[in-house]
């Protein structure tokens, strides 16, 4: 009898938690997923030094938090091509401002919550390196290669 009560309680807890994760995003709604400690571009550029996505000038790239942890999408100041504007989730104007906002929880710190997206349109060709600030030490970095 105790076993049935235990199994029933487990089933109830599972059903209650099922709605906590939020709606899932289909693969067609984003270009780069964010999982626990990784950016996951689809399709990824083979042989790249970090997870890499290729886009053309004028393309809008969409990142989606497909995991269960909060993330950021933050360009490295020194990882932008010459003439490119700075970009980061949260709309910060520099890497330093994005890092300070994250550390001090200012304006949400640029957080992209589970099932949320962030997008940026690339206007200058070149390599763009970016990071998830809270998971940088775990190696959560990525690159977008923008071609003419």
N, C-alpha and C. Protein backbone atom coordinates (compact mmCIF):
# COMPACT_ATOMS: atom_id res chain seq x y z
N UNK A 1 0.82 -1.19 0.00
CA UNK A 1 0.00 0.00 0.00
C UNK A 1 0.87 1.26 0.00
N UNK A 2 1.95 1.27 0.77
CA UNK A 2 2.82 2.45 0.80
C UNK A 2 3.46 2.69 -0.56
N UNK A 3 3.76 1.61 -1.27
CA UNK A 3 4.37 1.75 -2.60
C UNK A 3 3.42 2.49 -3.54
N UNK A 4 2.13 2.15 -3.51
CA UNK A 4 1.16 2.82 -4.37
C UNK A 4 1.05 4.29 -4.02
N UNK A 5 1.06 4.61 -2.75
CA UNK A 5 0.98 6.01 -2.33
C UNK A 5 2.22 6.77 -2.80
N UNK A 6 3.38 6.13 -2.69
CA UNK A 6 4.62 6.76 -3.14
C UNK A 6 4.59 7.02 -4.65
N UNK A 7 4.17 6.01 -5.42
CA UNK A 7 4.09 6.17 -6.87
C UNK A 7 3.07 7.23 -7.26
N UNK A 8 1.95 7.27 -6.58
CA UNK A 8 0.93 8.28 -6.87
C UNK A 8 1.45 9.67 -6.57
N UNK A 9 2.18 9.83 -5.48
CA UNK A 9 2.75 11.14 -5.12
C UNK A 9 3.77 11.56 -6.16
N UNK A 10 4.58 10.62 -6.63
CA UNK A 10 5.57 10.94 -7.66
C UNK A 10 4.92 11.36 -8.95
N UNK A 11 3.86 10.69 -9.35
CA UNK A 11 3.15 11.04 -10.57
C UNK A 11 2.53 12.42 -10.44
N UNK A 12 1.98 12.75 -9.27
CA UNK A 12 1.38 14.06 -9.05
C UNK A 12 2.44 15.15 -9.12
N UNK A 13 3.60 14.90 -8.52
CA UNK A 13 4.68 15.89 -8.53
C UNK A 13 5.18 16.11 -9.95
N UNK A 14 5.31 15.03 -10.72
CA UNK A 14 5.76 15.16 -12.10
C UNK A 14 4.76 15.98 -12.91
N UNK A 15 3.50 15.72 -12.74
CA UNK A 15 2.47 16.47 -13.47
C UNK A 15 2.49 17.93 -13.06
N UNK A 16 2.71 18.22 -11.79
CA UNK A 16 2.74 19.60 -11.31
C UNK A 16 3.94 20.34 -11.87
N UNK A 17 5.07 19.67 -11.99
CA UNK A 17 6.28 20.31 -12.49
C UNK A 17 6.30 20.45 -14.00
N UNK A 18 5.49 19.70 -14.70
CA UNK A 18 5.52 19.71 -16.16
C UNK A 18 5.31 21.11 -16.73
N UNK A 19 4.49 21.92 -16.12
CA UNK A 19 4.24 23.26 -16.61
C UNK A 19 5.29 24.28 -16.20
N UNK A 20 6.22 23.92 -15.34
CA UNK A 20 7.21 24.87 -14.82
C UNK A 20 8.31 25.19 -15.82
N UNK A 21 8.56 24.33 -16.76
CA UNK A 21 9.64 24.54 -17.71
C UNK A 21 9.27 25.59 -18.74
N UNK A 22 8.01 25.75 -19.03
CA UNK A 22 7.57 26.74 -20.00
C UNK A 22 7.44 26.12 -21.37
N UNK A 23 6.91 26.89 -22.31
CA UNK A 23 6.71 26.35 -23.65
C UNK A 23 8.05 26.10 -24.33
N UNK A 24 8.10 25.03 -25.11
CA UNK A 24 9.34 24.75 -25.83
C UNK A 24 9.30 25.47 -27.17
N UNK A 25 10.48 25.75 -27.68
CA UNK A 25 10.63 26.43 -28.96
C UNK A 25 10.97 25.41 -30.03
N UNK A 26 10.40 25.56 -31.20
CA UNK A 26 10.75 24.65 -32.29
C UNK A 26 12.09 25.10 -32.89
N UNK A 27 12.81 24.17 -33.48
CA UNK A 27 14.11 24.47 -34.08
C UNK A 27 14.02 25.55 -35.14
N UNK A 28 12.86 25.70 -35.77
CA UNK A 28 12.73 26.70 -36.84
C UNK A 28 12.58 28.12 -36.30
N UNK A 29 12.42 28.28 -34.98
CA UNK A 29 12.24 29.60 -34.38
C UNK A 29 13.54 30.27 -33.96
N UNK A 30 14.65 29.57 -34.07
CA UNK A 30 15.94 30.14 -33.65
C UNK A 30 17.08 29.52 -34.44
N UNK A 31 18.24 30.20 -34.38
CA UNK A 31 19.44 29.73 -35.06
C UNK A 31 20.44 29.11 -34.09
N UNK A 32 20.52 29.67 -32.88
CA UNK A 32 21.50 29.21 -31.90
C UNK A 32 20.78 28.95 -30.58
N UNK A 33 20.87 27.72 -30.10
CA UNK A 33 20.28 27.36 -28.81
C UNK A 33 21.26 27.62 -27.69
N UNK A 34 20.72 27.82 -26.50
CA UNK A 34 21.55 27.99 -25.30
C UNK A 34 21.14 26.90 -24.33
N UNK A 35 22.08 25.99 -24.06
CA UNK A 35 21.82 24.92 -23.13
C UNK A 35 22.60 25.18 -21.85
N UNK A 36 22.76 24.21 -20.97
CA UNK A 36 23.32 24.46 -19.64
C UNK A 36 24.61 25.26 -19.66
N UNK A 37 25.59 24.87 -20.44
CA UNK A 37 26.87 25.59 -20.52
C UNK A 37 27.37 25.70 -21.95
N UNK A 38 26.48 25.78 -22.91
CA UNK A 38 26.93 25.77 -24.31
C UNK A 38 25.96 26.49 -25.23
N UNK A 39 26.53 27.13 -26.24
CA UNK A 39 25.77 27.63 -27.37
C UNK A 39 25.75 26.49 -28.39
N UNK A 40 24.59 26.24 -28.98
CA UNK A 40 24.45 25.13 -29.91
C UNK A 40 23.87 25.65 -31.22
N UNK A 41 24.75 26.08 -32.15
CA UNK A 41 24.25 26.56 -33.44
C UNK A 41 23.83 25.41 -34.34
N UNK A 42 22.79 25.64 -35.12
CA UNK A 42 22.33 24.66 -36.10
C UNK A 42 22.12 25.35 -37.43
N UNK A 43 22.80 25.00 -38.46
CA UNK A 43 23.91 24.04 -38.47
C UNK A 43 25.19 24.71 -37.99
N UNK A 44 26.01 23.97 -37.34
CA UNK A 44 27.29 24.49 -36.85
C UNK A 44 28.33 24.42 -37.97
N UNK A 45 29.28 25.34 -37.94
CA UNK A 45 30.39 25.32 -38.90
C UNK A 45 31.40 24.28 -38.42
N UNK A 46 31.66 23.30 -39.27
CA UNK A 46 32.59 22.22 -38.92
C UNK A 46 34.01 22.74 -38.74
N UNK A 47 34.74 22.20 -37.75
CA UNK A 47 36.14 22.51 -37.54
C UNK A 47 36.42 23.88 -36.94
N UNK A 48 35.41 24.59 -36.46
CA UNK A 48 35.61 25.91 -35.88
C UNK A 48 36.21 25.80 -34.49
N UNK A 49 36.88 26.87 -34.04
CA UNK A 49 37.53 26.87 -32.73
C UNK A 49 36.52 26.93 -31.58
N UNK A 50 35.36 27.50 -31.80
CA UNK A 50 34.27 27.56 -30.82
C UNK A 50 32.97 27.31 -31.59
N UNK A 51 31.85 27.02 -30.90
CA UNK A 51 30.59 26.83 -31.63
C UNK A 51 30.32 28.03 -32.54
N UNK A 52 30.17 27.76 -33.84
CA UNK A 52 30.12 28.83 -34.83
C UNK A 52 28.90 28.69 -35.73
N UNK A 53 28.29 29.83 -36.00
CA UNK A 53 27.15 29.92 -36.90
C UNK A 53 27.51 30.87 -38.03
N UNK A 54 27.11 30.56 -39.25
CA UNK A 54 27.41 31.43 -40.39
C UNK A 54 26.15 32.17 -40.83
N UNK A 55 26.30 33.47 -41.08
CA UNK A 55 25.20 34.32 -41.53
C UNK A 55 25.73 35.24 -42.62
N UNK A 56 24.82 35.90 -43.31
CA UNK A 56 25.19 36.87 -44.35
C UNK A 56 24.88 38.27 -43.84
N UNK A 57 25.57 39.26 -44.40
CA UNK A 57 25.30 40.66 -44.05
C UNK A 57 23.79 40.91 -44.20
N UNK A 58 23.20 41.52 -43.20
CA UNK A 58 21.77 41.81 -43.21
C UNK A 58 20.91 40.75 -42.55
N UNK A 59 21.49 39.59 -42.25
CA UNK A 59 20.73 38.52 -41.58
C UNK A 59 20.50 38.86 -40.11
N UNK A 60 19.36 38.45 -39.61
CA UNK A 60 19.06 38.53 -38.19
C UNK A 60 19.25 37.13 -37.61
N UNK A 61 20.11 37.01 -36.61
CA UNK A 61 20.37 35.74 -35.94
C UNK A 61 19.59 35.73 -34.64
N UNK A 62 18.93 34.60 -34.38
CA UNK A 62 18.11 34.47 -33.17
C UNK A 62 18.73 33.41 -32.26
N UNK A 63 18.97 33.80 -31.00
CA UNK A 63 19.40 32.88 -29.95
C UNK A 63 18.17 32.54 -29.13
N UNK A 64 18.03 31.29 -28.71
CA UNK A 64 16.92 30.87 -27.86
C UNK A 64 17.47 30.11 -26.67
N UNK A 65 16.97 30.46 -25.50
CA UNK A 65 17.34 29.72 -24.31
C UNK A 65 16.52 28.45 -24.29
N UNK A 66 17.13 27.36 -24.71
CA UNK A 66 16.46 26.06 -24.79
C UNK A 66 16.74 25.21 -23.56
N UNK A 67 17.44 25.78 -22.59
CA UNK A 67 17.75 25.07 -21.36
C UNK A 67 16.89 25.54 -20.20
N UNK A 68 17.36 25.29 -19.00
CA UNK A 68 16.60 25.65 -17.80
C UNK A 68 17.30 26.69 -16.94
N UNK A 69 18.46 27.20 -17.41
CA UNK A 69 19.22 28.20 -16.66
C UNK A 69 19.15 29.53 -17.38
N UNK A 70 19.33 30.63 -16.64
CA UNK A 70 19.39 31.95 -17.26
C UNK A 70 20.73 32.12 -17.98
N UNK A 71 20.70 32.81 -19.12
CA UNK A 71 21.89 33.05 -19.92
C UNK A 71 21.93 34.50 -20.38
N UNK A 72 23.08 34.91 -20.91
CA UNK A 72 23.21 36.18 -21.61
C UNK A 72 23.84 35.91 -22.96
N UNK A 73 23.70 36.86 -23.86
CA UNK A 73 24.39 36.83 -25.15
C UNK A 73 25.12 38.17 -25.22
N UNK A 74 26.44 38.15 -25.01
CA UNK A 74 27.21 39.36 -24.82
C UNK A 74 28.43 39.37 -25.73
N UNK A 75 28.48 40.32 -26.64
CA UNK A 75 29.63 40.42 -27.54
C UNK A 75 30.88 40.80 -26.75
N UNK A 76 32.02 40.26 -27.16
CA UNK A 76 33.30 40.71 -26.61
C UNK A 76 33.66 42.01 -27.33
N UNK A 77 34.05 43.05 -26.58
CA UNK A 77 34.46 44.31 -27.21
C UNK A 77 35.56 44.09 -28.25
N UNK A 78 36.53 43.23 -27.90
CA UNK A 78 37.65 43.00 -28.82
C UNK A 78 37.38 41.85 -29.79
N UNK A 79 36.13 41.37 -29.83
CA UNK A 79 35.77 40.28 -30.71
C UNK A 79 34.82 40.70 -31.82
N UNK A 80 34.88 41.99 -32.18
CA UNK A 80 34.01 42.52 -33.23
C UNK A 80 34.85 42.99 -34.41
N UNK A 81 34.32 42.86 -35.62
CA UNK A 81 35.04 43.39 -36.78
C UNK A 81 35.08 44.92 -36.73
N UNK A 82 36.05 45.50 -37.36
CA UNK A 82 36.16 46.97 -37.43
C UNK A 82 34.89 47.54 -38.06
N UNK A 83 34.34 48.57 -37.43
CA UNK A 83 33.14 49.24 -37.94
C UNK A 83 31.82 48.65 -37.48
N UNK A 84 31.86 47.54 -36.75
CA UNK A 84 30.63 46.91 -36.28
C UNK A 84 30.17 47.56 -34.97
N UNK A 85 28.86 47.68 -34.83
CA UNK A 85 28.28 48.20 -33.58
C UNK A 85 28.33 47.12 -32.51
N UNK A 86 28.45 47.56 -31.25
CA UNK A 86 28.43 46.64 -30.13
C UNK A 86 27.00 46.12 -29.92
N UNK A 87 26.85 44.88 -29.45
CA UNK A 87 25.54 44.30 -29.19
C UNK A 87 25.60 43.35 -28.00
N UNK A 88 24.48 43.27 -27.29
CA UNK A 88 24.36 42.35 -26.15
C UNK A 88 22.90 42.27 -25.74
N UNK A 89 22.50 41.11 -25.25
CA UNK A 89 21.15 41.01 -24.68
C UNK A 89 21.08 42.01 -23.54
N UNK A 90 19.99 42.71 -23.42
CA UNK A 90 19.87 43.78 -22.44
C UNK A 90 20.15 45.14 -23.04
N UNK A 91 20.68 45.18 -24.28
CA UNK A 91 20.90 46.43 -24.99
C UNK A 91 22.07 47.26 -24.48
N UNK A 92 23.03 46.67 -23.83
CA UNK A 92 24.15 47.41 -23.28
C UNK A 92 25.06 47.93 -24.39
N UNK A 93 25.77 49.02 -24.10
CA UNK A 93 26.60 49.67 -25.11
C UNK A 93 28.05 49.23 -25.10
N UNK A 94 28.41 48.39 -24.11
CA UNK A 94 29.78 47.88 -24.05
C UNK A 94 29.80 46.59 -23.24
N UNK A 95 30.87 45.83 -23.41
CA UNK A 95 31.04 44.61 -22.63
C UNK A 95 31.13 44.95 -21.14
N UNK A 96 31.84 46.01 -20.80
CA UNK A 96 31.97 46.40 -19.40
C UNK A 96 30.60 46.72 -18.79
N UNK A 97 29.76 47.46 -19.51
CA UNK A 97 28.42 47.79 -19.01
C UNK A 97 27.59 46.53 -18.82
N UNK A 98 27.70 45.56 -19.74
CA UNK A 98 26.96 44.31 -19.63
C UNK A 98 27.43 43.51 -18.42
N UNK A 99 28.75 43.45 -18.23
CA UNK A 99 29.28 42.71 -17.07
C UNK A 99 28.87 43.36 -15.75
N UNK A 100 28.95 44.68 -15.68
CA UNK A 100 28.54 45.38 -14.45
C UNK A 100 27.05 45.16 -14.18
N UNK A 101 26.23 45.21 -15.21
CA UNK A 101 24.79 45.00 -15.04
C UNK A 101 24.52 43.58 -14.53
N UNK A 102 25.24 42.61 -15.08
CA UNK A 102 25.05 41.23 -14.62
C UNK A 102 25.45 41.10 -13.15
N UNK A 103 26.63 41.62 -12.79
CA UNK A 103 27.13 41.50 -11.43
C UNK A 103 26.24 42.21 -10.42
N UNK A 104 25.64 43.33 -10.81
CA UNK A 104 24.83 44.13 -9.90
C UNK A 104 23.33 43.93 -10.12
N UNK A 105 22.96 43.01 -11.00
CA UNK A 105 21.55 42.74 -11.34
C UNK A 105 20.81 44.01 -11.73
N UNK A 106 21.45 44.84 -12.56
CA UNK A 106 20.84 46.08 -13.05
C UNK A 106 20.07 45.78 -14.33
N UNK A 107 18.85 46.27 -14.41
CA UNK A 107 18.02 46.10 -15.61
C UNK A 107 17.96 44.65 -16.09
N UNK A 108 17.92 43.72 -15.15
CA UNK A 108 17.85 42.31 -15.51
C UNK A 108 19.18 41.70 -15.92
N UNK A 109 20.23 42.52 -16.01
CA UNK A 109 21.56 42.01 -16.33
C UNK A 109 21.68 41.38 -17.71
N UNK A 110 20.72 41.66 -18.59
CA UNK A 110 20.77 41.07 -19.92
C UNK A 110 20.32 39.62 -19.98
N UNK A 111 19.63 39.17 -18.97
CA UNK A 111 19.22 37.77 -18.88
C UNK A 111 18.24 37.41 -20.00
N UNK A 112 18.51 36.26 -20.60
CA UNK A 112 17.58 35.60 -21.51
C UNK A 112 17.10 34.37 -20.74
N UNK A 113 15.88 34.42 -20.29
CA UNK A 113 15.32 33.34 -19.46
C UNK A 113 14.95 32.13 -20.32
N UNK A 114 14.75 30.96 -19.68
CA UNK A 114 14.32 29.78 -20.43
C UNK A 114 13.10 30.08 -21.31
N UNK A 115 13.16 29.61 -22.53
CA UNK A 115 12.13 29.77 -23.57
C UNK A 115 12.05 31.18 -24.15
N UNK A 116 12.95 32.08 -23.74
CA UNK A 116 12.99 33.42 -24.33
C UNK A 116 14.05 33.46 -25.43
N UNK A 117 13.97 34.50 -26.27
CA UNK A 117 14.93 34.66 -27.36
C UNK A 117 15.58 36.03 -27.32
N UNK A 118 16.69 36.14 -28.01
CA UNK A 118 17.39 37.40 -28.24
C UNK A 118 17.79 37.38 -29.71
N UNK A 119 17.72 38.52 -30.37
CA UNK A 119 18.12 38.55 -31.77
C UNK A 119 18.97 39.78 -32.07
N UNK A 120 19.82 39.64 -33.08
CA UNK A 120 20.67 40.74 -33.52
C UNK A 120 20.83 40.64 -35.04
N UNK A 121 20.78 41.80 -35.70
CA UNK A 121 20.98 41.87 -37.14
C UNK A 121 22.41 42.33 -37.40
N UNK A 122 23.12 41.57 -38.24
CA UNK A 122 24.53 41.84 -38.53
C UNK A 122 24.65 42.63 -39.83
N UNK A 123 25.33 43.78 -39.75
CA UNK A 123 25.45 44.67 -40.90
C UNK A 123 26.87 44.75 -41.48
N UNK A 124 27.86 44.22 -40.76
CA UNK A 124 29.26 44.31 -41.18
C UNK A 124 29.82 42.89 -41.28
N UNK A 125 30.49 42.54 -42.39
CA UNK A 125 31.07 41.19 -42.47
C UNK A 125 32.23 41.03 -41.50
N UNK A 126 32.44 39.78 -41.08
CA UNK A 126 33.56 39.46 -40.21
C UNK A 126 33.18 38.46 -39.14
N UNK A 127 34.10 38.25 -38.21
CA UNK A 127 33.90 37.31 -37.12
C UNK A 127 33.47 38.05 -35.87
N UNK A 128 32.42 37.56 -35.24
CA UNK A 128 31.86 38.15 -34.01
C UNK A 128 31.93 37.10 -32.90
N UNK A 129 32.72 37.39 -31.87
CA UNK A 129 32.83 36.48 -30.73
C UNK A 129 31.95 36.99 -29.60
N UNK A 130 31.29 36.07 -28.91
CA UNK A 130 30.38 36.44 -27.84
C UNK A 130 30.43 35.40 -26.72
N UNK A 131 29.80 35.73 -25.59
CA UNK A 131 29.89 34.92 -24.38
C UNK A 131 28.58 34.97 -23.61
N UNK A 132 28.35 33.95 -22.82
CA UNK A 132 27.32 33.98 -21.78
C UNK A 132 28.06 34.33 -20.50
N UNK A 133 27.82 35.52 -19.97
CA UNK A 133 28.60 35.99 -18.81
C UNK A 133 28.57 35.02 -17.63
N UNK A 134 27.39 34.55 -17.18
CA UNK A 134 27.42 33.68 -15.99
C UNK A 134 28.06 32.32 -16.24
N UNK A 135 28.22 31.90 -17.48
CA UNK A 135 28.78 30.58 -17.76
C UNK A 135 30.08 30.65 -18.57
N UNK A 136 30.71 31.82 -18.56
CA UNK A 136 31.97 32.00 -19.29
C UNK A 136 33.06 31.06 -18.77
N UNK A 137 33.15 30.91 -17.45
CA UNK A 137 34.20 30.07 -16.88
C UNK A 137 34.02 28.60 -17.25
N UNK A 138 32.80 28.21 -17.65
CA UNK A 138 32.53 26.85 -18.10
C UNK A 138 32.76 26.71 -19.61
N UNK A 139 33.19 27.80 -20.25
CA UNK A 139 33.51 27.74 -21.68
C UNK A 139 32.35 28.08 -22.60
N UNK A 140 31.33 28.78 -22.09
CA UNK A 140 30.17 29.10 -22.94
C UNK A 140 30.45 30.34 -23.76
N UNK A 141 31.13 30.13 -24.88
CA UNK A 141 31.45 31.18 -25.83
C UNK A 141 31.02 30.70 -27.22
N UNK A 142 30.86 31.66 -28.13
CA UNK A 142 30.46 31.30 -29.48
C UNK A 142 30.94 32.34 -30.47
N UNK A 143 30.67 32.03 -31.74
CA UNK A 143 31.11 32.95 -32.81
C UNK A 143 30.06 32.93 -33.93
N UNK A 144 29.83 34.10 -34.49
CA UNK A 144 29.03 34.23 -35.70
C UNK A 144 29.97 34.76 -36.77
N UNK A 145 30.05 34.05 -37.90
CA UNK A 145 30.84 34.46 -39.04
C UNK A 145 29.86 35.07 -40.05
N UNK A 146 30.04 36.37 -40.33
CA UNK A 146 29.15 37.07 -41.25
C UNK A 146 29.88 37.29 -42.57
N UNK A 147 29.27 36.79 -43.64
CA UNK A 147 29.86 36.89 -44.97
C UNK A 147 29.11 37.93 -45.82
N UNK A 148 29.77 38.40 -46.88
CA UNK A 148 29.15 39.39 -47.79
C UNK A 148 27.93 38.81 -48.47
